[in-house]
Amino acid sequence: MNDVVVIGGGVSGLAIAHDLMVNGHDVTLLERQVQIGGNARSLQQDGFLMELGPTTMNAALPGMSERLDELNLNTGRLPLGPRVKKRYLADQGRLSGISTNPAGFLLSNYLTLGGRARMMAELLVPRRKDGAEESVADFVSRRFGREFAERVFEPMAAGIFMADSQQLSVQGAFPRLAGLEARHGSIIRAVLAAKRGSEPGRQLFSWPGGIATLPLRLAALLGARVRSGVTVTGLKRRGAGFEVTTNKGTLTPDNIVLAVQPHVAAMLLEDIDPDAATAAADIPAPPVATCFFAYRRTQVAHPLDGLGFLSTRSGGIISGAQFPSTMFAGRAPDGFVSISAYLGGARRAVLEATPERLPGLYLTGNYLSGVSLSSCLEQAKSVAGRLKTDRKSSLNQHNPPLSGIPVGIQSAG
C-alpha cells in the first residue's frame, strides 16, 4: 500500500510529490500524459526556444533561493536580458511604453494628468483594516484610482490570469500587493523604500533550456515514483484510505493529493465528495492559445525593448504578448526575433474544506490560490509539511490520518 498517491504530473504535482518523498513518504505520482510537466513545456526548433506555457520564475519570493538550492537549480540560472527597459500597454490599437523604474507611470503620458495625480494620492489613502476580501479592481481603484485600475490592472488580470479583475480576489491573485498595504500602509511608500533592482520584474529568470528545466529536474529526482501514461478512472473510499482505479491497475493509498485541472477534479470527486465536485465544476477554465511568431530582425521596426505588452479591453482577442528573444538569451538565432501572443481566456471555500469532510484527501492546483510556478514550489512545501504533521498526529493517536486544510498551488504564468 502506498502512503500517498499524487494524481497529476504538472509542476504542482511534481513539486508536492518531491517534498513528500523528502519528508519520508512512500509516494507514487500518476500522470495521464506520456510527457510530464503539464503546461510547463519548452520546445526547441530551428534555433528558437518556444515556451508552451509559463515563461519565467520569480526569485523575489521568500525562500526561492533555498528551494532552488534543494533542486540544484540555482547554478546556470538565466537572468532577464539587459534590453528589457520598458513595460508596454496596448490601448485603442496603440502601444505605449512605460519605463520599468518606479516613477515610470508618473513620467509617462499613458495616464491622464488627473489619473497620475490620483495615483500619487495613494500615499494619503489609509490602509483597510477590516480584513474583508476585495477584488483586484476594487483594491486598485481604492488605492490608485479608477483610471489606473482600468488601464493598468485590468490588462494585467487579462494577460496574467486570463480573467476579469472584478472577479479576481486581490488576496489570491496579488497577495504581495495586499501584504504591502497591510505592512506599510502605502504601496508607493513600500516601493520607494525598496532597493533599486529589487522590484519583482527584475527578479525574473529562466534557464538556458527553458522552463521545462524545472519539471524535468523534479521528475529525475522522483525517478520510478513517476508513472506516466496512467489514466485515473475512479476514486473510492476504502476503510481509512482510498481505492484508485486506473487503466493500468488499482492502488490503495492512505492519502491522495489531487493536482489536476478543476474539470478533472470534479469528475474524480463526484462519488466521494459531491460538494467539492460541484465547486470544482463551477470554476471557469477558459481556453488560452499561445501563438509563436519568428521574424528576421530587419522585418520588425519596433525596438522590442520590454517583456512584451498587455492589452486593455479594447485590444481585441489578443490579451497580451511577450518578446522572448529580448527577455532571455538563446531564444532566437542571431538576426532573428521571436514574439509569443496569447489569445482567449476570461478566474472558492467549499474545496478548501474537503479534507475536513474526507480525511486523507488533499487538493492542490492553480485554480485554488496562485498561478506562478514559483508559487507551486512554495505552496507544495506547505502541503507536504501539513501532510507530514497529519501523519505524525495519526501515529500518535493510533487512528486514521487526520488531514489539514489543503494549500493550493499553481500553473501558467
Protein backbone atom coordinates (compact mmCIF):
# COMPACT_ATOMS: atom_id res chain seq x y z
CA MET A 1 0.00 0.00 0.00
CA ASN A 2 1.31 3.45 -0.95
CA ASP A 3 1.35 6.10 1.71
CA VAL A 4 0.40 8.85 -0.77
CA VAL A 5 -0.73 8.87 -4.40
CA VAL A 6 -0.40 12.19 -6.21
CA ILE A 7 -2.66 12.48 -9.25
CA GLY A 8 -1.37 14.95 -11.83
CA GLY A 9 2.14 15.41 -13.23
CA GLY A 10 2.28 19.15 -13.77
CA VAL A 11 4.67 21.30 -11.75
CA SER A 12 2.20 21.33 -8.84
CA GLY A 13 2.02 17.55 -8.66
CA LEU A 14 5.74 17.03 -9.21
CA ALA A 15 6.69 19.59 -6.58
CA ILE A 16 4.48 18.15 -3.87
CA ALA A 17 5.50 14.59 -4.73
CA HIS A 18 9.14 15.61 -4.35
CA ASP A 19 8.52 17.26 -0.98
CA LEU A 20 6.55 14.25 0.24
CA MET A 21 9.44 12.00 -0.80
CA VAL A 22 11.90 14.21 1.08
CA ASN A 23 9.64 14.03 4.13
CA GLY A 24 9.84 10.24 4.07
CA HIS A 25 6.55 9.34 2.45
CA ASP A 26 6.15 6.37 0.11
CA VAL A 27 4.75 8.38 -2.79
CA THR A 28 3.62 7.50 -6.31
CA LEU A 29 2.74 10.11 -8.94
CA LEU A 30 0.29 9.27 -11.72
CA GLU A 31 0.18 11.32 -14.91
CA ARG A 32 -2.19 10.73 -17.80
CA GLN A 33 0.12 12.13 -20.46
CA VAL A 34 3.31 10.36 -21.53
CA GLN A 35 5.24 13.63 -21.11
CA ILE A 36 5.27 15.16 -17.63
CA GLY A 37 5.26 18.85 -16.74
CA GLY A 38 1.74 19.89 -17.75
CA ASN A 39 1.86 23.28 -19.44
CA ALA A 40 5.47 23.88 -18.40
CA ARG A 41 6.97 22.65 -21.65
CA SER A 42 9.78 24.12 -23.73
CA LEU A 43 10.09 23.29 -27.41
CA GLN A 44 13.31 23.87 -29.34
CA GLN A 45 13.16 24.06 -33.11
CA ASP A 46 15.38 25.63 -35.78
CA GLY A 47 17.31 27.63 -33.19
CA PHE A 48 14.21 29.02 -31.48
CA LEU A 49 13.06 28.11 -27.98
CA MET A 50 9.29 28.27 -27.55
CA GLU A 51 7.54 28.12 -24.19
CA LEU A 52 4.15 26.41 -24.42
CA GLY A 53 3.07 27.69 -21.02
CA PRO A 54 4.81 29.66 -18.24
CA THR A 55 7.90 31.60 -19.26
CA THR A 56 9.58 32.84 -16.07
CA MET A 57 10.32 32.17 -12.41
CA ASN A 58 10.37 34.86 -9.72
CA ALA A 59 13.44 34.91 -7.50
CA ALA A 60 11.92 37.60 -5.27
CA LEU A 61 9.63 35.18 -3.44
CA PRO A 62 10.73 34.28 0.09
CA GLY A 63 12.66 31.03 0.25
CA MET A 64 13.05 30.73 -3.51
CA SER A 65 16.86 30.62 -3.47
CA GLU A 66 16.87 27.91 -0.81
CA ARG A 67 14.26 25.96 -2.75
CA LEU A 68 16.32 26.06 -5.92
CA ASP A 69 19.40 25.00 -3.97
CA GLU A 70 17.49 21.89 -2.87
CA LEU A 71 16.89 21.07 -6.52
CA ASN A 72 20.39 22.10 -7.65
CA LEU A 73 18.85 24.65 -10.00
CA ASN A 74 20.44 27.86 -8.75
CA THR A 75 23.55 27.36 -10.88
CA GLY A 76 23.04 28.08 -14.54
CA ARG A 77 20.10 30.39 -13.97
CA LEU A 78 19.42 32.75 -16.88
CA PRO A 79 18.70 36.35 -15.78
CA LEU A 80 16.36 38.71 -17.54
CA GLY A 81 18.06 40.34 -20.54
CA PRO A 82 19.52 43.86 -20.19
CA ARG A 83 17.42 45.14 -23.11
CA VAL A 84 14.23 44.89 -21.02
CA LYS A 85 13.74 48.58 -20.22
CA LYS A 86 10.02 49.20 -20.65
CA ARG A 87 6.59 47.77 -19.99
CA TYR A 88 4.11 48.16 -22.84
CA LEU A 89 0.35 48.55 -22.72
CA ALA A 90 -1.87 48.31 -25.81
CA ASP A 91 -4.93 50.56 -25.89
CA GLN A 92 -7.03 51.60 -28.87
CA GLY A 93 -4.55 49.91 -31.23
CA ARG A 94 -1.58 51.88 -29.89
CA LEU A 95 1.41 50.60 -27.89
CA SER A 96 2.53 52.84 -25.04
CA GLY A 97 5.94 52.20 -23.48
CA ILE A 98 6.40 52.93 -19.79
CA SER A 99 9.79 52.82 -18.11
CA THR A 100 10.30 49.96 -15.65
CA ASN A 101 11.63 52.33 -12.98
CA PRO A 102 9.26 53.10 -10.06
CA ALA A 103 8.37 56.53 -11.48
CA GLY A 104 7.54 55.13 -14.91
CA PHE A 105 3.79 55.72 -14.82
CA LEU A 106 4.21 59.19 -13.32
CA LEU A 107 6.51 60.30 -16.16
CA SER A 108 4.53 58.64 -18.97
CA ASN A 109 1.62 60.20 -20.85
CA TYR A 110 -0.21 56.86 -20.83
CA LEU A 111 -2.36 58.09 -17.93
CA THR A 112 -4.04 61.49 -17.90
CA LEU A 113 -2.73 64.22 -15.59
CA GLY A 114 -5.74 63.58 -13.37
CA GLY A 115 -5.06 59.85 -13.38
CA ARG A 116 -1.42 60.42 -12.40
CA ALA A 117 -2.38 62.85 -9.65
CA ARG A 118 -4.85 60.33 -8.24
CA MET A 119 -2.22 57.61 -8.46
CA MET A 120 0.19 59.68 -6.35
CA ALA A 121 -2.58 60.38 -3.84
CA GLU A 122 -2.21 56.71 -2.88
CA LEU A 123 0.32 57.93 -0.32
CA LEU A 124 -2.59 59.53 1.58
CA VAL A 125 -5.08 56.67 1.34
CA PRO A 126 -5.46 54.91 4.71
CA ARG A 127 -4.96 51.17 4.85
CA ARG A 128 -8.04 48.99 5.08
CA LYS A 129 -8.28 47.38 8.49
CA ASP A 130 -11.38 45.15 8.37
CA GLY A 131 -9.59 42.32 6.51
CA ALA A 132 -12.55 41.77 4.17
CA GLU A 133 -11.87 40.12 0.83
CA GLU A 134 -11.61 42.55 -2.06
CA SER A 135 -11.47 42.19 -5.82
CA VAL A 136 -8.38 43.34 -7.70
CA ALA A 137 -10.42 46.08 -9.38
CA ASP A 138 -11.84 47.36 -6.09
CA PHE A 139 -8.47 47.25 -4.31
CA VAL A 140 -6.60 49.12 -7.05
CA SER A 141 -9.44 51.64 -7.54
CA ARG A 142 -9.48 52.36 -3.81
CA ARG A 143 -5.74 52.90 -3.59
CA PHE A 144 -4.76 54.31 -7.02
CA GLY A 145 -7.99 55.43 -8.66
CA ARG A 146 -10.32 54.04 -11.31
CA GLU A 147 -8.20 55.06 -14.32
CA PHE A 148 -5.15 53.18 -13.04
CA ALA A 149 -7.34 50.16 -12.26
CA GLU A 150 -8.95 50.08 -15.70
CA ARG A 151 -5.95 50.95 -17.86
CA VAL A 152 -3.18 49.13 -15.96
CA PHE A 153 -4.50 46.37 -13.72
CA GLU A 154 -7.36 45.21 -15.93
CA PRO A 155 -4.85 44.35 -18.71
CA MET A 156 -2.66 42.64 -16.10
CA ALA A 157 -5.56 40.47 -14.96
CA ALA A 158 -6.39 39.57 -18.55
CA GLY A 159 -2.78 38.92 -19.55
CA ILE A 160 -1.57 37.06 -16.47
CA PHE A 161 -4.71 35.29 -15.24
CA MET A 162 -6.92 35.36 -18.36
CA ALA A 163 -9.57 36.77 -16.06
CA ASP A 164 -11.65 39.82 -15.20
CA SER A 165 -10.14 41.99 -12.45
CA GLN A 166 -13.62 42.37 -10.99
CA GLN A 167 -13.77 38.62 -10.44
CA LEU A 168 -10.25 38.11 -9.04
CA SER A 169 -9.51 38.33 -5.32
CA VAL A 170 -6.55 40.61 -4.65
CA GLN A 171 -5.54 38.37 -1.74
CA GLY A 172 -5.42 35.39 -4.08
CA ALA A 173 -4.10 36.97 -7.29
CA PHE A 174 -1.74 39.61 -5.85
CA PRO A 175 -1.07 38.61 -2.24
CA ARG A 176 2.18 40.59 -2.08
CA LEU A 177 0.33 43.75 -3.09
CA ALA A 178 -2.22 43.24 -0.34
CA GLY A 179 0.64 42.48 2.06
CA LEU A 180 2.40 45.76 1.24
CA GLU A 181 -0.71 47.70 2.22
CA ALA A 182 -1.03 45.74 5.45
CA ARG A 183 2.64 46.22 6.42
CA HIS A 184 3.44 49.69 5.08
CA GLY A 185 0.07 51.40 4.71
CA SER A 186 1.06 52.62 1.23
CA ILE A 187 2.15 50.65 -1.85
CA ILE A 188 4.12 53.60 -3.24
CA ARG A 189 5.90 54.12 0.08
CA ALA A 190 6.91 50.45 0.13
CA VAL A 191 8.18 50.57 -3.46
CA LEU A 192 10.21 53.72 -2.86
CA ALA A 193 11.75 52.17 0.25
CA ALA A 194 12.87 49.07 -1.66
CA LYS A 195 16.34 48.87 -3.13
CA ARG A 196 16.71 49.65 -6.81
CA GLY A 197 16.77 46.39 -8.76
CA SER A 198 14.76 44.54 -6.13
CA GLU A 199 11.43 45.15 -7.85
CA PRO A 200 9.76 41.85 -8.91
CA GLY A 201 10.20 42.49 -12.63
CA ARG A 202 13.99 42.49 -12.27
CA GLN A 203 13.94 39.22 -10.35
CA LEU A 204 12.51 37.13 -13.18
CA PHE A 205 14.68 34.33 -14.54
CA SER A 206 14.65 31.10 -16.51
CA TRP A 207 17.23 28.53 -17.65
CA PRO A 208 19.02 28.00 -20.97
CA GLY A 209 16.80 25.01 -21.64
CA GLY A 210 13.64 26.91 -20.77
CA ILE A 211 11.05 26.48 -18.04
CA ALA A 212 10.82 22.74 -18.72
CA THR A 213 14.11 22.50 -16.79
CA LEU A 214 12.09 22.63 -13.56
CA PRO A 215 9.65 19.73 -14.12
CA LEU A 216 12.36 17.63 -15.74
CA ARG A 217 14.59 18.04 -12.68
CA LEU A 218 11.75 17.20 -10.31
CA ALA A 219 10.88 14.10 -12.36
CA ALA A 220 14.51 12.99 -12.40
CA LEU A 221 14.71 13.25 -8.61
CA LEU A 222 11.47 11.27 -8.21
CA GLY A 223 12.68 8.56 -10.58
CA ALA A 224 10.49 5.46 -10.74
CA ARG A 225 7.94 7.08 -8.43
CA VAL A 226 6.61 8.85 -11.52
CA ARG A 227 4.28 6.71 -13.62
CA SER A 228 3.26 8.43 -16.85
CA GLY A 229 0.65 7.25 -19.32
CA VAL A 230 -1.62 6.25 -16.43
CA THR A 231 -5.22 7.47 -16.51
CA VAL A 232 -7.16 7.56 -13.24
CA THR A 233 -10.73 6.49 -13.91
CA GLY A 234 -12.19 6.50 -10.41
CA LEU A 235 -11.71 7.16 -6.70
CA LYS A 236 -13.43 5.37 -3.82
CA ARG A 237 -13.18 5.44 -0.07
CA ARG A 238 -11.73 2.18 1.25
CA GLY A 239 -11.65 1.90 5.03
CA ALA A 240 -9.38 4.64 6.34
CA GLY A 241 -7.77 5.01 2.92
CA PHE A 242 -8.74 5.11 -0.74
CA GLU A 243 -9.00 2.96 -3.85
CA VAL A 244 -7.59 4.49 -7.02
CA THR A 245 -8.69 2.80 -10.24
CA THR A 246 -6.55 3.35 -13.33
CA ASN A 247 -6.18 1.97 -16.83
CA LYS A 248 -3.20 0.00 -15.52
CA GLY A 249 -4.49 -1.41 -12.27
CA THR A 250 -5.64 -0.37 -8.80
CA LEU A 251 -3.79 1.33 -5.94
CA THR A 252 -4.89 1.60 -2.29
CA PRO A 253 -3.13 4.61 -0.70
CA ASP A 254 -3.73 6.11 2.72
CA ASN A 255 -3.77 9.63 1.27
CA ILE A 256 -4.46 11.27 -2.08
CA VAL A 257 -3.33 14.62 -3.45
CA LEU A 258 -5.29 15.86 -6.46
CA ALA A 259 -3.07 18.13 -8.57
CA VAL A 260 -5.27 18.25 -11.65
CA GLN A 261 -7.34 20.83 -13.50
CA PRO A 262 -10.75 21.66 -11.99
CA HIS A 263 -12.86 19.74 -14.51
CA VAL A 264 -10.78 16.60 -13.84
CA ALA A 265 -11.03 17.13 -10.09
CA ALA A 266 -14.81 17.46 -10.43
CA MET A 267 -15.03 14.11 -12.21
CA LEU A 268 -12.82 12.29 -9.70
CA LEU A 269 -14.54 13.79 -6.65
CA GLU A 270 -18.08 13.09 -7.82
CA ASP A 271 -18.51 9.81 -5.91
CA ILE A 272 -16.60 10.69 -2.73
CA ASP A 273 -17.20 14.42 -2.17
CA PRO A 274 -20.14 15.78 -4.23
CA ASP A 275 -19.89 19.26 -2.68
CA ALA A 276 -16.26 19.64 -3.74
CA ALA A 277 -17.06 18.16 -7.15
CA THR A 278 -19.76 20.78 -7.72
CA ALA A 279 -17.44 23.59 -6.61
CA ALA A 280 -14.67 22.39 -8.92
CA ALA A 281 -17.05 22.06 -11.86
CA ASP A 282 -18.15 25.67 -11.37
CA ILE A 283 -14.62 27.04 -11.77
CA PRO A 284 -14.25 28.56 -15.24
CA ALA A 285 -11.27 27.37 -17.24
CA PRO A 286 -11.37 29.41 -20.46
CA PRO A 287 -9.16 28.10 -23.25
CA VAL A 288 -5.97 30.00 -23.93
CA ALA A 289 -3.90 29.69 -27.09
CA THR A 290 -0.24 30.64 -27.47
CA CYS A 291 0.87 31.72 -30.94
CA PHE A 292 4.59 31.88 -31.64
CA PHE A 293 5.96 34.21 -34.31
CA ALA A 294 9.50 34.41 -35.66
CA TYR A 295 10.85 37.23 -37.82
CA ARG A 296 14.11 38.48 -39.20
CA ARG A 297 15.17 41.44 -37.07
CA THR A 298 15.07 43.69 -40.13
CA GLN A 299 11.35 42.91 -40.57
CA VAL A 300 10.36 44.41 -37.21
CA ALA A 301 10.60 48.17 -36.73
CA HIS A 302 9.67 48.10 -33.05
CA PRO A 303 12.66 48.06 -30.63
CA LEU A 304 11.12 45.17 -28.64
CA ASP A 305 12.78 46.64 -25.55
CA GLY A 306 10.45 45.14 -22.97
CA LEU A 307 8.94 41.94 -21.63
CA GLY A 308 6.09 42.37 -24.07
CA PHE A 309 2.72 44.07 -23.82
CA LEU A 310 -0.66 43.72 -22.16
CA SER A 311 -3.93 44.80 -23.76
CA THR A 312 -6.83 46.78 -22.36
CA ARG A 313 -10.39 45.64 -23.13
CA SER A 314 -10.18 47.46 -26.47
CA GLY A 315 -7.22 45.33 -27.53
CA GLY A 316 -9.27 42.65 -29.31
CA ILE A 317 -8.70 38.93 -28.96
CA ILE A 318 -5.01 39.25 -28.02
CA SER A 319 -4.76 39.64 -24.25
CA GLY A 320 -1.03 40.19 -24.40
CA ALA A 321 2.29 39.16 -25.89
CA GLN A 322 5.87 38.57 -24.82
CA PHE A 323 9.19 39.24 -26.54
CA PRO A 324 11.14 36.03 -25.70
CA SER A 325 14.23 36.96 -27.70
CA THR A 326 14.54 40.15 -25.63
CA MET A 327 13.73 38.51 -22.31
CA PHE A 328 16.37 35.78 -22.39
CA ALA A 329 19.44 34.89 -24.38
CA GLY A 330 19.25 31.89 -26.70
CA ARG A 331 15.55 32.22 -27.57
CA ALA A 332 16.19 33.02 -31.24
CA PRO A 333 19.07 32.63 -33.71
CA ASP A 334 21.28 35.62 -34.50
CA GLY A 335 19.48 38.08 -36.74
CA PHE A 336 16.02 36.89 -35.69
CA VAL A 337 13.45 37.86 -33.06
CA SER A 338 10.54 35.98 -31.54
CA ILE A 339 7.12 37.05 -30.22
CA SER A 340 4.60 34.95 -28.29
CA ALA A 341 0.98 36.15 -28.40
CA TYR A 342 -1.77 34.96 -26.06
CA LEU A 343 -5.36 34.63 -27.18
CA GLY A 344 -8.52 33.69 -25.28
CA GLY A 345 -9.29 33.42 -21.58
CA ALA A 346 -11.90 35.30 -19.31
CA ARG A 347 -10.84 33.03 -12.74
CA ARG A 348 -13.99 29.24 -3.57
CA ALA A 349 -14.08 27.78 0.13
CA VAL A 350 -16.04 24.52 -0.41
CA LEU A 351 -12.95 22.93 -1.95
CA GLU A 352 -10.70 24.02 0.89
CA ALA A 353 -12.90 22.18 3.38
CA THR A 354 -12.63 18.85 1.52
CA PRO A 355 -10.12 17.25 3.96
CA GLU A 356 -12.44 18.03 6.87
CA ARG A 357 -15.17 16.02 5.20
CA LEU A 358 -12.85 13.39 3.78
CA PRO A 359 -9.68 12.83 5.86
CA GLY A 360 -6.64 11.97 3.77
CA LEU A 361 -7.71 13.80 0.61
CA TYR A 362 -5.81 16.96 -0.33
CA LEU A 363 -6.46 19.31 -3.24
CA THR A 364 -3.92 21.49 -4.95
CA GLY A 365 -3.74 23.35 -8.25
CA ASN A 366 -3.50 26.73 -9.93
CA TYR A 367 -7.24 27.26 -9.61
CA LEU A 368 -7.05 27.47 -5.81
CA SER A 369 -4.53 30.11 -4.78
CA GLY A 370 -1.82 31.03 -7.25
CA VAL A 371 -0.72 30.92 -10.85
CA SER A 372 3.05 31.27 -10.86
CA LEU A 373 5.50 28.39 -10.98
CA SER A 374 7.28 29.97 -8.04
CA SER A 375 4.06 29.64 -6.06
CA CYS A 376 3.94 25.95 -6.99
CA LEU A 377 7.23 25.33 -5.25
CA GLU A 378 6.39 27.50 -2.26
CA GLN A 379 2.95 26.04 -1.66
CA ALA A 380 3.94 22.43 -2.35
CA LYS A 381 6.27 22.57 0.63
CA SER A 382 3.38 23.77 2.81
CA VAL A 383 1.08 20.97 1.68
CA ALA A 384 3.77 18.34 2.18
CA GLY A 385 4.60 19.71 5.60
CA ARG A 386 0.95 19.63 6.65
CA LEU A 387 0.56 16.07 5.45
CA LYS A 388 3.64 15.07 7.44
CA THR A 389 2.18 16.70 10.55
CA ASP A 390 -1.11 14.90 9.99
CA ARG A 391 0.67 11.56 9.74
CA LYS A 392 2.55 12.15 12.99
CA SER A 393 -0.71 13.01 14.70
CA SER A 394 -2.25 9.85 13.31
CA LEU A 395 0.60 7.66 14.53
CA ASN A 396 0.48 9.19 17.98
CA GLN A 397 -3.24 8.59 18.28
CA HIS A 398 -3.25 5.18 16.54
CA ASN A 399 -6.11 6.42 14.41
CA PRO A 400 -6.60 7.02 10.67
CA PRO A 401 -4.73 10.12 9.48
CA LEU A 402 -6.31 13.50 10.04
CA SER A 403 -5.76 15.84 7.13
CA GLY A 404 -5.39 19.57 7.33
CA ILE A 405 -6.60 22.38 5.17
CA PRO A 406 -5.04 21.98 1.72
CA VAL A 407 -2.90 24.67 0.21
CA GLY A 408 -3.46 25.35 -3.47
CA ILE A 409 -0.64 25.86 -5.87
CA GLN A 410 -0.19 26.95 -9.38
CA SER A 411 0.34 26.90 -13.42
CA ALA A 412 0.80 29.04 -16.38
CA GLY A 413 2.42 32.47 -15.83
